Amino acid sequence: MRTVEALARVLGPGHPDTLRCRANLLLTREQLGDHTASAHCSATINQLAGLLGEGHPTIGTLRSGRKLVRALDPQPF
């Protein structure tokens, strides 16, 4: 949760990488049996789909219950 909060603070709550991280966290919580995470996960994926488009491969990956392991937006290091 701290990572999601840090990303939201640095990149913004609606940044694709913040949403990706939040979706990954919520998918993990779902897999651990937290049924309250499902609605939040769907809302987060829908928000990300609004930014990237429903046809983006990332959206299909998340909707199938698989986590994303890479950043969506290259960071300026």
PDB file of N, CA and C in Angstrom:
ATOM      1  N   MET A   1       0.822  -1.190   0.000  1.00  0.00           N
ATOM      2  CA  MET A   1       0.000   0.000   0.000  1.00  0.00           C
ATOM      3  C   MET A   1       0.868   1.256   0.000  1.00  0.00           C
ATOM      4  N   ARG A   2       2.003   1.186   0.661  1.00  0.00           N
ATOM      5  CA  ARG A   2       2.869   2.365   0.708  1.00  0.00           C
ATOM      6  C   ARG A   2       3.386   2.729  -0.677  1.00  0.00           C
ATOM      7  N   THR A   3       3.614   1.728  -1.515  1.00  0.00           N
ATOM      8  CA  THR A   3       4.088   2.007  -2.865  1.00  0.00           C
ATOM      9  C   THR A   3       3.020   2.745  -3.654  1.00  0.00           C
ATOM     10  N   VAL A   4       1.786   2.305  -3.553  1.00  0.00           N
ATOM     11  CA  VAL A   4       0.685   2.978  -4.251  1.00  0.00           C
ATOM     12  C   VAL A   4       0.573   4.425  -3.765  1.00  0.00           C
ATOM     13  N   GLU A   5       0.665   4.615  -2.462  1.00  0.00           N
ATOM     14  CA  GLU A   5       0.575   5.965  -1.910  1.00  0.00           C
ATOM     15  C   GLU A   5       1.727   6.844  -2.379  1.00  0.00           C
ATOM     16  N   ALA A   6       2.933   6.274  -2.438  1.00  0.00           N
ATOM     17  CA  ALA A   6       4.094   7.049  -2.899  1.00  0.00           C
ATOM     18  C   ALA A   6       3.949   7.416  -4.371  1.00  0.00           C
ATOM     19  N   LEU A   7       3.506   6.461  -5.188  1.00  0.00           N
ATOM     20  CA  LEU A   7       3.299   6.757  -6.609  1.00  0.00           C
ATOM     21  C   LEU A   7       2.235   7.833  -6.788  1.00  0.00           C
ATOM     22  N   ALA A   8       1.163   7.741  -6.025  1.00  0.00           N
ATOM     23  CA  ALA A   8       0.094   8.742  -6.120  1.00  0.00           C
ATOM     24  C   ALA A   8       0.613  10.126  -5.742  1.00  0.00           C
ATOM     25  N   ARG A   9       1.473  10.170  -4.753  1.00  0.00           N
ATOM     26  CA  ARG A   9       2.025  11.448  -4.311  1.00  0.00           C
ATOM     27  C   ARG A   9       2.993  12.026  -5.352  1.00  0.00           C
ATOM     28  N   VAL A  10       3.829  11.183  -5.933  1.00  0.00           N
ATOM     29  CA  VAL A  10       4.858  11.659  -6.865  1.00  0.00           C
ATOM     30  C   VAL A  10       4.317  11.830  -8.285  1.00  0.00           C
ATOM     31  N   LEU A  11       3.599  10.821  -8.781  1.00  0.00           N
ATOM     32  CA  LEU A  11       3.129  10.847 -10.174  1.00  0.00           C
ATOM     33  C   LEU A  11       1.700  11.360 -10.317  1.00  0.00           C
ATOM     34  N   GLY A  12       0.926  11.243  -9.251  1.00  0.00           N
ATOM     35  CA  GLY A  12      -0.478  11.617  -9.288  1.00  0.00           C
ATOM     36  C   GLY A  12      -1.354  10.384  -9.215  1.00  0.00           C
ATOM     37  N   PRO A  13      -2.541  10.504  -8.640  1.00  0.00           N
ATOM     38  CA  PRO A  13      -3.416   9.341  -8.456  1.00  0.00           C
ATOM     39  C   PRO A  13      -3.965   8.755  -9.750  1.00  0.00           C
ATOM     40  N   GLY A  14      -3.997   9.545 -10.815  1.00  0.00           N
ATOM     41  CA  GLY A  14      -4.528   9.054 -12.085  1.00  0.00           C
ATOM     42  C   GLY A  14      -3.459   8.663 -13.089  1.00  0.00           C
ATOM     43  N   HIS A  15      -2.202   8.649 -12.661  1.00  0.00           N
ATOM     44  CA  HIS A  15      -1.107   8.277 -13.569  1.00  0.00           C
ATOM     45  C   HIS A  15      -1.200   6.780 -13.871  1.00  0.00           C
ATOM     46  N   PRO A  16      -0.921   6.388 -15.118  1.00  0.00           N
ATOM     47  CA  PRO A  16      -1.011   4.970 -15.478  1.00  0.00           C
ATOM     48  C   PRO A  16      -0.200   4.040 -14.570  1.00  0.00           C
ATOM     49  N   ASP A  17       0.982   4.447 -14.152  1.00  0.00           N
ATOM     50  CA  ASP A  17       1.779   3.572 -13.284  1.00  0.00           C
ATOM     51  C   ASP A  17       1.186   3.466 -11.878  1.00  0.00           C
ATOM     52  N   THR A  18       0.584   4.535 -11.388  1.00  0.00           N
ATOM     53  CA  THR A  18      -0.100   4.478 -10.100  1.00  0.00           C
ATOM     54  C   THR A  18      -1.280   3.523 -10.189  1.00  0.00           C
ATOM     55  N   LEU A  19      -2.048   3.628 -11.268  1.00  0.00           N
ATOM     56  CA  LEU A  19      -3.201   2.753 -11.457  1.00  0.00           C
ATOM     57  C   LEU A  19      -2.773   1.298 -11.638  1.00  0.00           C
ATOM     58  N   ARG A  20      -1.672   1.074 -12.350  1.00  0.00           N
ATOM     59  CA  ARG A  20      -1.150  -0.287 -12.543  1.00  0.00           C
ATOM     60  C   ARG A  20      -0.782  -0.887 -11.197  1.00  0.00           C
ATOM     61  N   CYS A  21      -0.079  -0.135 -10.389  1.00  0.00           N
ATOM     62  CA  CYS A  21       0.340  -0.618  -9.077  1.00  0.00           C
ATOM     63  C   CYS A  21      -0.871  -0.895  -8.187  1.00  0.00           C
ATOM     64  N   ARG A  22      -1.850   0.006  -8.213  1.00  0.00           N
ATOM     65  CA  ARG A  22      -3.065  -0.190  -7.422  1.00  0.00           C
ATOM     66  C   ARG A  22      -3.811  -1.437  -7.889  1.00  0.00           C
ATOM     67  N   ALA A  23      -3.913  -1.631  -9.200  1.00  0.00           N
ATOM     68  CA  ALA A  23      -4.592  -2.819  -9.726  1.00  0.00           C
ATOM     69  C   ALA A  23      -3.860  -4.090  -9.298  1.00  0.00           C
ATOM     70  N   ASN A  24      -2.530  -4.085  -9.359  1.00  0.00           N
ATOM     71  CA  ASN A  24      -1.760  -5.252  -8.920  1.00  0.00           C
ATOM     72  C   ASN A  24      -2.026  -5.566  -7.450  1.00  0.00           C
ATOM     73  N   LEU A  25      -2.032  -4.533  -6.609  1.00  0.00           N
ATOM     74  CA  LEU A  25      -2.300  -4.721  -5.187  1.00  0.00           C
ATOM     75  C   LEU A  25      -3.696  -5.306  -4.971  1.00  0.00           C
ATOM     76  N   LEU A  26      -4.673  -4.752  -5.666  1.00  0.00           N
ATOM     77  CA  LEU A  26      -6.045  -5.232  -5.505  1.00  0.00           C
ATOM     78  C   LEU A  26      -6.216  -6.650  -6.037  1.00  0.00           C
ATOM     79  N   LEU A  27      -5.521  -6.992  -7.119  1.00  0.00           N
ATOM     80  CA  LEU A  27      -5.564  -8.377  -7.619  1.00  0.00           C
ATOM     81  C   LEU A  27      -4.971  -9.331  -6.585  1.00  0.00           C
ATOM     82  N   THR A  28      -3.896  -8.928  -5.941  1.00  0.00           N
ATOM     83  CA  THR A  28      -3.291  -9.756  -4.893  1.00  0.00           C
ATOM     84  C   THR A  28      -4.263  -9.937  -3.738  1.00  0.00           C
ATOM     85  N   ARG A  29      -4.902  -8.856  -3.330  1.00  0.00           N
ATOM     86  CA  ARG A  29      -5.879  -8.949  -2.237  1.00  0.00           C
ATOM     87  C   ARG A  29      -7.041  -9.870  -2.606  1.00  0.00           C
ATOM     88  N   GLU A  30      -7.499  -9.781  -3.858  1.00  0.00           N
ATOM     89  CA  GLU A  30      -8.561 -10.689  -4.320  1.00  0.00           C
ATOM     90  C   GLU A  30      -8.110 -12.141  -4.227  1.00  0.00           C
ATOM     91  N   GLN A  31      -6.903 -12.410  -4.701  1.00  0.00           N
ATOM     92  CA  GLN A  31      -6.376 -13.774  -4.703  1.00  0.00           C
ATOM     93  C   GLN A  31      -6.189 -14.315  -3.286  1.00  0.00           C
ATOM     94  N   LEU A  32      -6.016 -13.425  -2.332  1.00  0.00           N
ATOM     95  CA  LEU A  32      -5.887 -13.829  -0.929  1.00  0.00           C
ATOM     96  C   LEU A  32      -7.243 -13.944  -0.232  1.00  0.00           C
ATOM     97  N   GLY A  33      -8.320 -13.734  -0.988  1.00  0.00           N
ATOM     98  CA  GLY A  33      -9.659 -13.925  -0.450  1.00  0.00           C
ATOM     99  C   GLY A  33     -10.366 -12.676   0.026  1.00  0.00           C
ATOM    100  N   ASP A  34      -9.811 -11.508  -0.223  1.00  0.00           N
ATOM    101  CA  ASP A  34     -10.458 -10.249   0.163  1.00  0.00           C
ATOM    102  C   ASP A  34     -11.479  -9.888  -0.911  1.00  0.00           C
ATOM    103  N   HIS A  35     -12.724 -10.262  -0.662  1.00  0.00           N
ATOM    104  CA  HIS A  35     -13.764 -10.048  -1.668  1.00  0.00           C
ATOM    105  C   HIS A  35     -14.162  -8.580  -1.809  1.00  0.00           C
ATOM    106  N   THR A  36     -13.813  -7.750  -0.851  1.00  0.00           N
ATOM    107  CA  THR A  36     -14.122  -6.322  -0.965  1.00  0.00           C
ATOM    108  C   THR A  36     -13.202  -5.650  -1.988  1.00  0.00           C
ATOM    109  N   ALA A  37     -12.102  -6.298  -2.339  1.00  0.00           N
ATOM    110  CA  ALA A  37     -11.154  -5.714  -3.290  1.00  0.00           C
ATOM    111  C   ALA A  37     -11.672  -5.761  -4.727  1.00  0.00           C
ATOM    112  N   SER A  38     -12.603  -6.646  -5.025  1.00  0.00           N
ATOM    113  CA  SER A  38     -13.076  -6.831  -6.402  1.00  0.00           C
ATOM    114  C   SER A  38     -13.650  -5.572  -7.022  1.00  0.00           C
ATOM    115  N   ALA A  39     -14.530  -4.908  -6.307  1.00  0.00           N
ATOM    116  CA  ALA A  39     -15.160  -3.700  -6.852  1.00  0.00           C
ATOM    117  C   ALA A  39     -14.120  -2.605  -7.073  1.00  0.00           C
ATOM    118  N   HIS A  40     -13.203  -2.455  -6.125  1.00  0.00           N
ATOM    119  CA  HIS A  40     -12.157  -1.446  -6.268  1.00  0.00           C
ATOM    120  C   HIS A  40     -11.225  -1.785  -7.430  1.00  0.00           C
ATOM    121  N   CYS A  41     -10.952  -3.071  -7.597  1.00  0.00           N
ATOM    122  CA  CYS A  41     -10.081  -3.502  -8.690  1.00  0.00           C
ATOM    123  C   CYS A  41     -10.732  -3.199 -10.032  1.00  0.00           C
ATOM    124  N   SER A  42     -11.997  -3.538 -10.169  1.00  0.00           N
ATOM    125  CA  SER A  42     -12.714  -3.256 -11.420  1.00  0.00           C
ATOM    126  C   SER A  42     -12.734  -1.759 -11.718  1.00  0.00           C
ATOM    127  N   ALA A  43     -12.974  -0.955 -10.704  1.00  0.00           N
ATOM    128  CA  ALA A  43     -13.003   0.498 -10.897  1.00  0.00           C
ATOM    129  C   ALA A  43     -11.632   1.017 -11.329  1.00  0.00           C
ATOM    130  N   THR A  44     -10.577   0.483 -10.742  1.00  0.00           N
ATOM    131  CA  THR A  44      -9.220   0.905 -11.096  1.00  0.00           C
ATOM    132  C   THR A  44      -8.893   0.505 -12.530  1.00  0.00           C
ATOM    133  N   ILE A  45      -9.248  -0.715 -12.909  1.00  0.00           N
ATOM    134  CA  ILE A  45      -8.999  -1.176 -14.284  1.00  0.00           C
ATOM    135  C   ILE A  45      -9.809  -0.352 -15.271  1.00  0.00           C
ATOM    136  N   ASN A  46     -11.038  -0.029 -14.922  1.00  0.00           N
ATOM    137  CA  ASN A  46     -11.863   0.816 -15.795  1.00  0.00           C
ATOM    138  C   ASN A  46     -11.249   2.207 -15.963  1.00  0.00           C
ATOM    139  N   GLN A  47     -10.705   2.747 -14.887  1.00  0.00           N
ATOM    140  CA  GLN A  47     -10.054   4.061 -14.966  1.00  0.00           C
ATOM    141  C   GLN A  47      -8.827   3.983 -15.877  1.00  0.00           C
ATOM    142  N   LEU A  48      -8.048   2.920 -15.746  1.00  0.00           N
ATOM    143  CA  LEU A  48      -6.877   2.736 -16.599  1.00  0.00           C
ATOM    144  C   LEU A  48      -7.295   2.525 -18.054  1.00  0.00           C
ATOM    145  N   ALA A  49      -8.382   1.792 -18.274  1.00  0.00           N
ATOM    146  CA  ALA A  49      -8.890   1.591 -19.633  1.00  0.00           C
ATOM    147  C   ALA A  49      -9.330   2.909 -20.249  1.00  0.00           C
ATOM    148  N   GLY A  50      -9.843   3.818 -19.429  1.00  0.00           N
ATOM    149  CA  GLY A  50     -10.219   5.136 -19.917  1.00  0.00           C
ATOM    150  C   GLY A  50      -9.017   5.922 -20.419  1.00  0.00           C
ATOM    151  N   LEU A  51      -7.872   5.695 -19.810  1.00  0.00           N
ATOM    152  CA  LEU A  51      -6.650   6.387 -20.231  1.00  0.00           C
ATOM    153  C   LEU A  51      -5.988   5.717 -21.432  1.00  0.00           C
ATOM    154  N   LEU A  52      -5.911   4.392 -21.396  1.00  0.00           N
ATOM    155  CA  LEU A  52      -5.149   3.649 -22.409  1.00  0.00           C
ATOM    156  C   LEU A  52      -5.998   3.130 -23.561  1.00  0.00           C
ATOM    157  N   GLY A  53      -7.293   3.007 -23.341  1.00  0.00           N
ATOM    158  CA  GLY A  53      -8.187   2.417 -24.327  1.00  0.00           C
ATOM    159  C   GLY A  53      -8.453   0.961 -23.971  1.00  0.00           C
ATOM    160  N   GLU A  54      -9.673   0.554 -24.175  1.00  0.00           N
ATOM    161  CA  GLU A  54     -10.092  -0.802 -23.803  1.00  0.00           C
ATOM    162  C   GLU A  54      -9.298  -1.875 -24.541  1.00  0.00           C
ATOM    163  N   GLY A  55      -8.839  -1.578 -25.753  1.00  0.00           N
ATOM    164  CA  GLY A  55      -8.113  -2.561 -26.552  1.00  0.00           C
ATOM    165  C   GLY A  55      -6.639  -2.704 -26.200  1.00  0.00           C
ATOM    166  N   HIS A  56      -6.143  -1.893 -25.286  1.00  0.00           N
ATOM    167  CA  HIS A  56      -4.729  -1.965 -24.895  1.00  0.00           C
ATOM    168  C   HIS A  56      -4.458  -3.317 -24.231  1.00  0.00           C
ATOM    169  N   PRO A  57      -3.336  -3.974 -24.576  1.00  0.00           N
ATOM    170  CA  PRO A  57      -3.040  -5.294 -24.008  1.00  0.00           C
ATOM    171  C   PRO A  57      -2.987  -5.304 -22.480  1.00  0.00           C
ATOM    172  N   THR A  58      -2.601  -4.213 -21.888  1.00  0.00           N
ATOM    173  CA  THR A  58      -2.556  -4.104 -20.433  1.00  0.00           C
ATOM    174  C   THR A  58      -3.915  -4.365 -19.809  1.00  0.00           C
ATOM    175  N   ILE A  59      -4.939  -3.845 -20.441  1.00  0.00           N
ATOM    176  CA  ILE A  59      -6.292  -3.982 -19.896  1.00  0.00           C
ATOM    177  C   ILE A  59      -6.727  -5.440 -19.935  1.00  0.00           C
ATOM    178  N   GLY A  60      -6.467  -6.118 -21.034  1.00  0.00           N
ATOM    179  CA  GLY A  60      -6.797  -7.537 -21.135  1.00  0.00           C
ATOM    180  C   GLY A  60      -6.068  -8.372 -20.098  1.00  0.00           C
ATOM    181  N   THR A  61      -4.806  -8.027 -19.863  1.00  0.00           N
ATOM    182  CA  THR A  61      -4.014  -8.741 -18.862  1.00  0.00           C
ATOM    183  C   THR A  61      -4.632  -8.597 -17.479  1.00  0.00           C
ATOM    184  N   LEU A  62      -4.955  -7.362 -17.105  1.00  0.00           N
ATOM    185  CA  LEU A  62      -5.541  -7.120 -15.788  1.00  0.00           C
ATOM    186  C   LEU A  62      -6.926  -7.742 -15.664  1.00  0.00           C
ATOM    187  N   ARG A  63      -7.730  -7.631 -16.712  1.00  0.00           N
ATOM    188  CA  ARG A  63      -9.094  -8.188 -16.646  1.00  0.00           C
ATOM    189  C   ARG A  63      -9.075  -9.714 -16.524  1.00  0.00           C
ATOM    190  N   SER A  64      -7.986 -10.337 -16.990  1.00  0.00           N
ATOM    191  CA  SER A  64      -7.893 -11.796 -16.871  1.00  0.00           C
ATOM    192  C   SER A  64      -7.348 -12.217 -15.503  1.00  0.00           C
ATOM    193  N   GLY A  65      -7.068 -11.244 -14.637  1.00  0.00           N
ATOM    194  CA  GLY A  65      -6.607 -11.549 -13.294  1.00  0.00           C
ATOM    195  C   GLY A  65      -5.102 -11.701 -13.168  1.00  0.00           C
ATOM    196  N   ARG A  66      -4.380 -11.348 -14.226  1.00  0.00           N
ATOM    197  CA  ARG A  66      -2.912 -11.417 -14.176  1.00  0.00           C
ATOM    198  C   ARG A  66      -2.354 -10.040 -13.867  1.00  0.00           C
ATOM    199  N   LYS A  67      -1.277 -10.013 -13.117  1.00  0.00           N
ATOM    200  CA  LYS A  67      -0.649  -8.755 -12.721  1.00  0.00           C
ATOM    201  C   LYS A  67       0.325  -8.269 -13.793  1.00  0.00           C
ATOM    202  N   LEU A  68       0.572  -6.977 -13.783  1.00  0.00           N
ATOM    203  CA  LEU A  68       1.544  -6.358 -14.680  1.00  0.00           C
ATOM    204  C   LEU A  68       2.868  -6.209 -13.945  1.00  0.00           C
ATOM    205  N   VAL A  69       3.951  -6.484 -14.628  1.00  0.00           N
ATOM    206  CA  VAL A  69       5.249  -6.451 -13.960  1.00  0.00           C
ATOM    207  C   VAL A  69       6.172  -5.362 -14.503  1.00  0.00           C
ATOM    208  N   ARG A  70       5.658  -4.488 -15.332  1.00  0.00           N
ATOM    209  CA  ARG A  70       6.504  -3.438 -15.895  1.00  0.00           C
ATOM    210  C   ARG A  70       5.781  -2.100 -15.807  1.00  0.00           C
ATOM    211  N   ALA A  71       6.569  -1.043 -15.871  1.00  0.00           N
ATOM    212  CA  ALA A  71       6.001   0.302 -15.851  1.00  0.00           C
ATOM    213  C   ALA A  71       5.351   0.591 -17.199  1.00  0.00           C
ATOM    214  N   LEU A  72       4.265   1.320 -17.182  1.00  0.00           N
ATOM    215  CA  LEU A  72       3.571   1.687 -18.414  1.00  0.00           C
ATOM    216  C   LEU A  72       4.170   2.931 -19.035  1.00  0.00           C
ATOM    217  N   ASP A  73       4.699   3.794 -18.191  1.00  0.00           N
ATOM    218  CA  ASP A  73       5.240   5.059 -18.651  1.00  0.00           C
ATOM    219  C   ASP A  73       6.715   5.133 -18.272  1.00  0.00           C
ATOM    220  N   PRO A  74       7.627   5.126 -19.228  1.00  0.00           N
ATOM    221  CA  PRO A  74       9.044   5.185 -18.881  1.00  0.00           C
ATOM    222  C   PRO A  74       9.348   6.388 -17.984  1.00  0.00           C
ATOM    223  N   GLN A  75      10.093   6.146 -16.936  1.00  0.00           N
ATOM    224  CA  GLN A  75      10.395   7.200 -15.981  1.00  0.00           C
ATOM    225  C   GLN A  75      11.624   7.997 -16.436  1.00  0.00           C
ATOM    226  N   PRO A  76      11.618   9.294 -16.219  1.00  0.00           N
ATOM    227  CA  PRO A  76      12.741  10.154 -16.641  1.00  0.00           C
ATOM    228  C   PRO A  76      13.893  10.132 -15.649  1.00  0.00           C
ATOM    229  N   PHE A  77      14.683   9.084 -15.661  1.00  0.00           N
ATOM    230  CA  PHE A  77      15.828   8.977 -14.733  1.00  0.00           C
ATOM    231  C   PHE A  77      17.067   9.507 -15.373  1.00  0.00           C
TER     232      PHE A  77
END
